[in-house]
Amino acid sequence: MKKLMAGACLAGAFALPAVADARPVVITTQLQAYGGNGAYLAFYLTDAAGKYRKTLWVAGPKAKYYKHLSDWARGSALNPREFDGITGASVGSGKSLKITVEVADALIDAGFEIRVDSAVEDGRDTPADVRVPLTKQGAGKPARGRGYVQSFTYDM
């Protein structure tokens, strides 16, 4: 029993630094003024090859509409384990959304991108509305979206 407890403590000691090797990233997204309902947004990471790796946040309460966030939906396979606990309300026309997510330090300056897919009911869907490299140098620099997102910024 003592060996089991010692092993568990040792494993915990190795796992703790991994948790400490993540940092909060504050994402601020300002939407364009458009006519219509609130926008659904998926914030996610892709690797250097453009392959989906992790969901950061999903804005929009009804999962049945997530399929319209097409690049994210394809990458996440709409698996609820990918977005459970990291969802919130949709974002209205001309409004902003500010969220804080944890990102592993190893992903920063390693070829990863933050992407945002957007969709509005009775409007068009915009896969990869925003695509920005996840770098220390890019932090704080606004990027324009190509759909519903007017501006996007992340800070570390």
Protein backbone atom coordinates (compact mmCIF):
# COMPACT_ATOMS: atom_id res chain seq x y z
CA MET A 1 0.00 0.00 0.00
CA LYS A 2 2.86 2.40 0.83
CA LYS A 3 4.44 1.75 -2.58
CA LEU A 4 1.12 2.48 -4.28
CA MET A 5 0.73 5.77 -2.39
CA ALA A 6 4.34 6.76 -3.13
CA GLY A 7 3.79 5.99 -6.81
CA ALA A 8 0.62 8.09 -6.87
CA CYS A 9 2.40 11.01 -5.23
CA LEU A 10 5.29 10.75 -7.68
CA ALA A 11 2.90 10.66 -10.65
CA GLY A 12 1.12 13.72 -9.28
CA ALA A 13 4.42 15.56 -8.95
CA PHE A 14 5.17 14.96 -12.64
CA ALA A 15 1.66 15.93 -13.74
CA LEU A 16 1.63 19.22 -11.81
CA PRO A 17 4.36 20.89 -13.91
CA ALA A 18 2.39 20.00 -17.05
CA VAL A 19 -0.56 21.98 -15.68
CA ALA A 20 1.77 24.87 -14.83
CA ASP A 21 3.04 24.88 -18.43
CA ALA A 22 -0.21 26.41 -19.68
CA ARG A 23 -1.11 30.06 -19.74
CA PRO A 24 -4.34 32.00 -19.89
CA VAL A 25 -5.04 33.50 -23.30
CA VAL A 26 -7.66 36.26 -23.46
CA ILE A 27 -9.54 36.33 -26.76
CA THR A 28 -11.59 39.38 -27.74
CA THR A 29 -13.86 39.20 -30.77
CA GLN A 30 -15.90 42.11 -32.11
CA LEU A 31 -18.66 41.27 -34.59
CA GLN A 32 -19.74 43.33 -37.57
CA ALA A 33 -23.12 45.01 -37.41
CA TYR A 34 -25.40 42.77 -39.48
CA GLY A 35 -29.13 42.09 -39.59
CA GLY A 36 -30.29 38.90 -37.98
CA ASN A 37 -29.98 36.60 -35.01
CA GLY A 38 -26.96 36.04 -32.81
CA ALA A 39 -23.87 34.46 -34.32
CA TYR A 40 -22.55 31.04 -33.46
CA LEU A 41 -18.76 30.99 -33.17
CA ALA A 42 -16.27 28.13 -32.74
CA PHE A 43 -12.76 28.99 -31.51
CA TYR A 44 -10.26 26.18 -32.07
CA LEU A 45 -6.61 25.33 -32.68
CA THR A 46 -5.09 23.75 -35.78
CA ASP A 47 -1.55 22.42 -36.15
CA ALA A 48 1.05 23.47 -38.73
CA ALA A 49 -0.59 21.18 -41.32
CA GLY A 50 -3.98 22.83 -40.75
CA LYS A 51 -5.41 19.80 -38.94
CA TYR A 52 -7.91 20.40 -36.12
CA ARG A 53 -6.37 19.82 -32.69
CA LYS A 54 -8.48 21.36 -29.93
CA THR A 55 -11.67 23.31 -29.26
CA LEU A 56 -11.11 26.43 -27.17
CA TRP A 57 -14.68 27.79 -26.95
CA VAL A 58 -18.06 27.56 -28.69
CA ALA A 59 -20.52 30.47 -28.59
CA GLY A 60 -24.10 29.40 -29.20
CA PRO A 61 -26.49 27.42 -27.02
CA LYS A 62 -28.04 24.91 -29.44
CA ALA A 63 -25.78 22.05 -30.54
CA LYS A 64 -28.07 21.29 -33.49
CA TYR A 65 -26.66 24.41 -35.21
CA TYR A 66 -23.00 23.52 -34.65
CA LYS A 67 -22.86 21.71 -38.01
CA HIS A 68 -22.89 25.16 -39.64
CA LEU A 69 -19.48 25.84 -38.10
CA SER A 70 -18.23 23.51 -40.80
CA ASP A 71 -14.43 23.38 -40.48
CA TRP A 72 -14.64 23.05 -36.71
CA ALA A 73 -17.52 20.56 -36.98
CA ARG A 74 -15.52 18.38 -39.37
CA GLY A 75 -12.40 18.51 -37.21
CA SER A 76 -14.14 17.91 -33.89
CA ALA A 77 -16.55 15.36 -35.40
CA LEU A 78 -19.12 17.21 -33.26
CA ASN A 79 -18.07 15.00 -30.37
CA PRO A 80 -19.61 16.50 -27.22
CA ARG A 81 -16.42 15.70 -25.28
CA GLU A 82 -14.73 18.32 -27.47
CA PHE A 83 -16.98 21.15 -26.30
CA ASP A 84 -18.72 20.11 -23.07
CA GLY A 85 -18.13 22.78 -20.46
CA ILE A 86 -16.69 25.32 -22.89
CA THR A 87 -19.80 26.81 -24.43
CA GLY A 88 -21.72 30.03 -23.96
CA ALA A 89 -24.41 32.22 -25.46
CA SER A 90 -24.41 33.32 -29.08
CA VAL A 91 -23.08 36.80 -29.86
CA GLY A 92 -25.36 39.53 -31.23
CA SER A 93 -24.84 41.83 -34.18
CA GLY A 94 -22.19 44.48 -33.43
CA LYS A 95 -21.45 42.95 -30.01
CA SER A 96 -18.20 41.68 -28.60
CA LEU A 97 -17.18 38.49 -26.82
CA LYS A 98 -14.27 38.26 -24.41
CA ILE A 99 -13.19 34.83 -23.19
CA THR A 100 -10.20 33.41 -21.36
CA VAL A 101 -8.89 29.97 -22.31
CA GLU A 102 -5.90 27.91 -21.19
CA VAL A 103 -3.32 27.13 -23.87
CA ALA A 104 -0.29 24.90 -23.36
CA ASP A 105 2.99 26.80 -23.66
CA ALA A 106 4.28 24.11 -26.04
CA LEU A 107 1.67 25.19 -28.64
CA ILE A 108 2.80 28.83 -28.73
CA ASP A 109 5.30 29.63 -31.50
CA ALA A 110 5.01 26.01 -32.69
CA GLY A 111 3.08 26.49 -35.95
CA PHE A 112 -0.41 26.37 -34.42
CA GLU A 113 -3.22 28.70 -35.47
CA ILE A 114 -6.28 30.00 -33.69
CA ARG A 115 -9.25 29.76 -36.02
CA VAL A 116 -12.80 31.02 -35.67
CA ASP A 117 -15.73 29.67 -37.68
CA SER A 118 -18.91 31.79 -37.69
CA ALA A 119 -22.51 31.25 -38.71
CA VAL A 120 -25.78 33.14 -38.36
CA GLU A 121 -29.28 31.70 -38.77
CA ASP A 122 -30.68 32.68 -42.17
CA GLY A 123 -27.24 34.05 -43.06
CA ARG A 124 -24.12 32.60 -44.56
CA ASP A 125 -21.65 30.36 -42.80
CA THR A 126 -18.02 31.46 -42.72
CA PRO A 127 -15.50 28.70 -42.10
CA ALA A 128 -12.15 30.10 -40.92
CA ASP A 129 -13.62 33.59 -40.57
CA VAL A 130 -10.40 34.30 -38.64
CA ARG A 131 -7.03 32.51 -38.95
CA VAL A 132 -4.11 33.81 -36.91
CA PRO A 133 -0.81 32.19 -35.95
CA LEU A 134 -0.54 31.45 -32.22
CA THR A 135 2.66 33.35 -31.46
CA LYS A 136 3.96 35.58 -28.70
CA GLN A 137 4.67 38.23 -31.32
CA GLY A 138 1.06 38.14 -32.59
CA ALA A 139 -0.43 38.72 -29.15
CA GLY A 140 -2.25 42.03 -28.91
CA LYS A 141 -2.33 42.58 -32.67
CA PRO A 142 -5.85 42.88 -34.09
CA ALA A 143 -6.86 40.78 -37.10
CA ARG A 144 -9.84 41.32 -39.39
CA GLY A 145 -12.28 38.56 -40.08
CA ARG A 146 -13.58 37.74 -43.52
CA GLY A 147 -17.22 37.23 -42.49
CA TYR A 148 -19.10 38.25 -39.35
CA VAL A 149 -15.97 39.00 -37.31
CA GLN A 150 -14.94 42.64 -37.52
CA SER A 151 -11.86 42.27 -35.32
CA PHE A 152 -10.11 39.56 -33.33
CA THR A 153 -7.33 39.89 -30.77
CA TYR A 154 -5.66 37.53 -28.35
CA ASP A 155 -3.44 38.46 -25.41
CA MET A 156 -1.20 36.35 -23.16
